Amino acid sequence: GPIQLGAFSNGGGFYVNDLLLSTAAPGTLNPVQLNALISLDANTDADPASFVVSGGARVQVAFSGNPTIDTEQGGDNPGGVVNFNTSTLSATGGADRNLVIDTSTGGGDAGGNVFLPAFNNAGGNYVNDVTMTLGGATAGILQLSGNVTLDNSGTDCASFNVNGGGNVVLASSVTIKLDADNNASVVNSGTYGVQFNTSAVSAIAPGFDLIIDSGCLHRMSRED
């Protein structure tokens, strides 16, 4: 059946290590709704945290917290993996919902990998901003397996940001579109729409394409 998740914290003394969400039927029948920050933590260096969705459920973000999913607390163990498998990602309850995933860590440990599926508006809204933070001694990898369709929230243009230097890998041809309804009259000042920063981009097989449609007008300020 449907899954509704509230906050995950260390209120009982410790953080949850692994979170596996498995649904019996894909799509709209059994949505997974994220209502609050999900903080997980490693058990040991050999047992980092993980957030995994299986069964093809529609995953929908119902709040605008920062971050949405954080898989390492304290930066003293490897960052945990986040894997949505064949699910789709959307928002519900408003156009200002953001997806912020932090699999970064400190010291000599590696950041966690993130596997993102297709983004759509199956939950009623498109996600507004997507931010991935993958840093570590070896940064995590971000794998894209479907089109990422986002949309503005009022005058807040959509954005897609990758921080921490992890490689971005295409598992199929991917289009990142920041203005689902083609409302190019909305303007943001001082921000880029798509930022891979220091991440390198590659593909797992030949013939895959990356198309970036920034759509929304991002007016950059400059010094003359």
Protein backbone atom coordinates (compact mmCIF):
# COMPACT_ATOMS: atom_id res chain seq x y z
CA GLY A 1 0.00 0.00 0.00
CA PRO A 2 0.94 3.69 0.07
CA ILE A 3 3.81 4.78 2.33
CA GLN A 4 3.90 8.13 4.15
CA LEU A 5 7.17 9.02 5.88
CA GLY A 6 7.68 11.58 8.62
CA ALA A 7 10.98 12.75 10.09
CA PHE A 8 13.85 10.32 10.74
CA SER A 9 16.21 11.47 13.49
CA ASN A 10 18.16 10.22 16.52
CA GLY A 11 15.38 11.04 18.97
CA GLY A 12 15.50 7.51 20.39
CA GLY A 13 19.27 7.67 20.82
CA PHE A 14 20.49 6.57 17.39
CA TYR A 15 19.77 7.13 13.70
CA VAL A 16 18.30 4.41 11.51
CA ASN A 17 20.98 2.76 9.36
CA ASP A 18 19.17 1.43 6.26
CA LEU A 19 15.74 2.37 4.90
CA LEU A 20 14.22 0.06 2.25
CA LEU A 21 10.82 0.98 0.82
CA SER A 22 9.21 -1.79 -1.23
CA THR A 23 5.81 -1.47 -2.88
CA ALA A 24 3.76 -4.26 -4.41
CA ALA A 25 2.52 -2.29 -7.42
CA PRO A 26 4.13 0.50 -9.44
CA GLY A 27 2.93 4.02 -10.21
CA THR A 28 -0.05 5.73 -8.63
CA LEU A 29 -1.37 2.69 -6.74
CA ASN A 30 1.27 2.81 -4.02
CA PRO A 31 2.96 6.22 -3.80
CA VAL A 32 5.79 6.89 -1.36
CA GLN A 33 5.42 10.36 0.18
CA LEU A 34 8.28 12.19 1.88
CA ASN A 35 6.81 14.56 4.48
CA ALA A 36 9.94 15.52 6.46
CA LEU A 37 13.73 15.26 6.62
CA ILE A 38 15.09 11.71 6.49
CA SER A 39 18.41 11.51 8.36
CA LEU A 40 20.19 8.15 8.30
CA ASP A 41 23.65 7.18 9.56
CA ALA A 42 26.32 4.53 9.07
CA ASN A 43 26.62 1.69 11.54
CA THR A 44 30.34 1.19 10.79
CA ASP A 45 32.68 1.99 7.91
CA ALA A 46 31.72 -1.37 6.43
CA ASP A 47 28.00 -0.72 6.88
CA PRO A 48 27.11 2.78 5.61
CA ALA A 49 23.52 3.96 5.54
CA SER A 50 21.24 3.44 2.55
CA PHE A 51 17.92 4.75 1.22
CA VAL A 52 16.40 2.43 -1.40
CA VAL A 53 13.00 2.39 -3.12
CA SER A 54 11.99 -0.71 -5.06
CA GLY A 55 8.84 -1.76 -6.88
CA GLY A 56 8.50 1.25 -9.19
CA ALA A 57 6.47 3.44 -6.82
CA ARG A 58 5.76 7.10 -7.46
CA VAL A 59 7.90 9.01 -4.96
CA GLN A 60 6.56 12.46 -4.12
CA VAL A 61 8.13 15.24 -2.07
CA ALA A 62 5.59 16.96 0.19
CA PHE A 63 7.84 19.50 1.97
CA SER A 64 10.61 21.94 1.12
CA GLY A 65 13.16 21.06 3.76
CA ASN A 66 16.91 21.23 3.25
CA PRO A 67 18.10 18.53 2.93
CA THR A 68 15.40 16.02 2.06
CA ILE A 69 17.57 12.91 2.52
CA ASP A 70 20.92 12.89 4.39
CA THR A 71 22.78 9.57 4.62
CA GLU A 72 25.74 10.39 6.89
CA GLN A 73 25.76 12.24 10.20
CA GLY A 74 29.01 13.63 11.61
CA GLY A 75 31.15 12.96 8.56
CA ASP A 76 33.03 10.10 10.26
CA ASN A 77 31.92 7.20 8.04
CA PRO A 78 31.30 6.69 4.31
CA GLY A 79 28.26 8.42 2.85
CA GLY A 80 25.30 6.15 2.18
CA VAL A 81 23.72 5.31 -1.17
CA VAL A 82 20.38 6.72 -2.36
CA ASN A 83 18.67 4.61 -5.04
CA PHE A 84 15.17 5.19 -6.44
CA ASN A 85 15.52 2.35 -8.98
CA THR A 86 12.54 2.43 -11.43
CA SER A 87 10.43 4.88 -9.41
CA THR A 88 9.48 8.35 -10.64
CA LEU A 89 9.98 11.56 -8.67
CA SER A 90 7.48 14.41 -8.39
CA ALA A 91 6.09 16.87 -5.84
CA THR A 92 2.75 17.20 -4.11
CA GLY A 93 0.98 19.96 -2.22
CA GLY A 94 2.71 22.91 -3.89
CA ALA A 95 5.10 24.10 -6.56
CA ASP A 96 7.86 25.03 -4.05
CA ARG A 97 8.96 21.48 -3.21
CA ASN A 98 12.68 20.78 -3.54
CA LEU A 99 14.69 17.57 -3.58
CA VAL A 100 17.98 17.95 -1.69
CA ILE A 101 20.11 14.82 -1.23
CA ASP A 102 23.33 14.86 0.81
CA THR A 103 25.53 11.75 0.66
CA SER A 104 28.73 13.64 1.48
CA THR A 105 31.15 12.87 4.29
CA GLY A 106 34.43 14.06 5.77
CA GLY A 107 37.89 12.74 6.55
CA GLY A 108 39.18 9.98 4.32
CA ASP A 109 35.82 8.39 3.56
CA ALA A 110 33.94 8.21 0.27
CA GLY A 111 30.70 9.98 -0.55
CA GLY A 112 27.65 7.89 -1.35
CA ASN A 113 26.29 7.24 -4.84
CA VAL A 114 22.89 8.58 -5.96
CA PHE A 115 20.69 6.92 -8.59
CA LEU A 116 17.98 9.27 -9.87
CA PRO A 117 14.98 8.17 -11.96
CA ALA A 118 12.70 10.23 -14.22
CA PHE A 119 11.07 13.37 -12.79
CA ASN A 120 7.46 14.28 -13.69
CA ASN A 121 4.31 15.80 -12.11
CA ALA A 122 2.53 12.55 -11.25
CA GLY A 123 2.08 13.75 -7.64
CA GLY A 124 0.35 16.93 -8.81
CA ASN A 125 3.39 19.20 -9.10
CA TYR A 126 6.87 19.20 -10.57
CA VAL A 127 9.84 19.46 -8.21
CA ASN A 128 11.29 23.00 -8.21
CA ASP A 129 14.98 22.66 -7.26
CA VAL A 130 17.23 19.58 -7.19
CA THR A 131 20.55 19.64 -5.31
CA MET A 132 22.96 16.72 -4.93
CA THR A 133 25.97 16.92 -2.59
CA LEU A 134 28.31 13.95 -3.10
CA GLY A 135 31.64 15.03 -1.65
CA GLY A 136 34.22 12.92 0.18
CA ALA A 137 37.81 11.77 -0.18
CA THR A 138 36.34 10.04 -3.22
CA ALA A 139 33.11 11.74 -4.25
CA GLY A 140 30.00 9.71 -4.92
CA ILE A 141 28.60 9.15 -8.41
CA LEU A 142 25.30 10.59 -9.65
CA GLN A 143 23.58 8.31 -12.18
CA LEU A 144 20.71 9.68 -14.29
CA SER A 145 18.37 7.11 -15.83
CA GLY A 146 15.45 9.27 -17.02
CA ASN A 147 14.42 12.76 -18.06
CA VAL A 148 14.54 15.39 -15.32
CA THR A 149 11.55 17.72 -15.80
CA LEU A 150 11.33 20.55 -13.24
CA ASP A 151 9.33 23.77 -13.06
CA ASN A 152 9.40 27.22 -11.49
CA SER A 153 7.54 28.12 -8.32
CA GLY A 154 6.20 31.62 -8.89
CA THR A 155 9.28 33.76 -9.58
CA ASP A 156 11.63 31.03 -8.32
CA CYS A 157 13.14 29.38 -11.41
CA ALA A 158 13.90 25.69 -11.22
CA SER A 159 17.51 24.55 -10.81
CA PHE A 160 19.59 21.37 -10.95
CA ASN A 161 22.85 21.45 -8.99
CA VAL A 162 25.59 18.88 -8.36
CA ASN A 163 28.12 19.65 -5.63
CA GLY A 164 31.18 17.83 -4.34
CA GLY A 165 32.83 16.81 -7.61
CA GLY A 166 31.23 13.40 -8.12
CA ASN A 167 30.98 12.09 -11.68
CA VAL A 168 27.62 12.39 -13.45
CA VAL A 169 26.87 9.23 -15.44
CA LEU A 170 24.08 8.79 -18.01
CA ALA A 171 22.35 5.40 -17.94
CA SER A 172 20.20 6.49 -20.92
CA SER A 173 19.71 9.58 -23.05
CA VAL A 174 18.54 12.32 -20.66
CA THR A 175 16.87 15.70 -21.04
CA ILE A 176 17.08 18.15 -18.13
CA LYS A 177 14.25 20.64 -18.59
CA LEU A 178 13.82 23.47 -16.07
CA ASP A 179 10.57 25.00 -17.31
CA ALA A 180 7.94 22.32 -17.77
CA ASP A 181 5.21 24.78 -18.84
CA ASN A 182 7.54 26.92 -21.00
CA ASN A 183 6.84 30.05 -18.96
CA ALA A 184 9.97 31.96 -19.98
CA SER A 185 8.71 35.23 -18.44
CA VAL A 186 9.93 34.18 -15.00
CA VAL A 187 13.38 35.56 -14.13
CA ASN A 188 15.91 34.65 -11.45
CA SER A 189 18.91 36.90 -10.78
CA GLY A 190 22.38 35.66 -9.90
CA THR A 191 21.95 31.89 -10.28
CA TYR A 192 22.70 29.38 -13.00
CA GLY A 193 19.92 26.97 -13.88
CA VAL A 194 22.06 23.83 -14.26
CA GLN A 195 25.36 23.52 -12.39
CA PHE A 196 27.56 20.44 -12.60
CA ASN A 197 30.40 22.48 -11.08
CA THR A 198 33.55 20.30 -11.08
CA SER A 199 31.72 17.06 -11.93
CA ALA A 200 32.69 15.21 -15.09
CA VAL A 201 29.89 13.85 -17.31
CA SER A 202 30.01 10.48 -19.08
CA ALA A 203 27.74 7.60 -20.17
CA ILE A 204 27.60 3.86 -19.49
CA ALA A 205 27.17 3.03 -23.20
CA PRO A 206 27.71 4.68 -26.58
CA GLY A 207 25.01 6.77 -28.23
CA PHE A 208 23.50 8.38 -25.13
CA ASP A 209 22.73 12.11 -25.35
CA LEU A 210 22.38 14.83 -22.72
CA ILE A 211 20.02 17.71 -23.59
CA ILE A 212 19.74 20.70 -21.25
CA ASP A 213 16.75 23.01 -21.70
CA SER A 214 17.19 25.84 -19.19
CA GLY A 215 13.87 27.42 -20.22
CA CYS A 216 13.44 29.87 -17.38
CA LEU A 217 15.41 33.11 -17.71
CA HIS A 218 18.37 33.21 -15.34
CA ARG A 219 19.71 36.77 -15.41
CA MET A 220 23.31 36.81 -14.17
CA SER A 221 24.72 39.93 -12.54
CA ARG A 222 28.26 41.03 -13.42
CA GLU A 223 30.78 43.70 -12.61
CA ASP A 224 31.66 46.04 -15.50
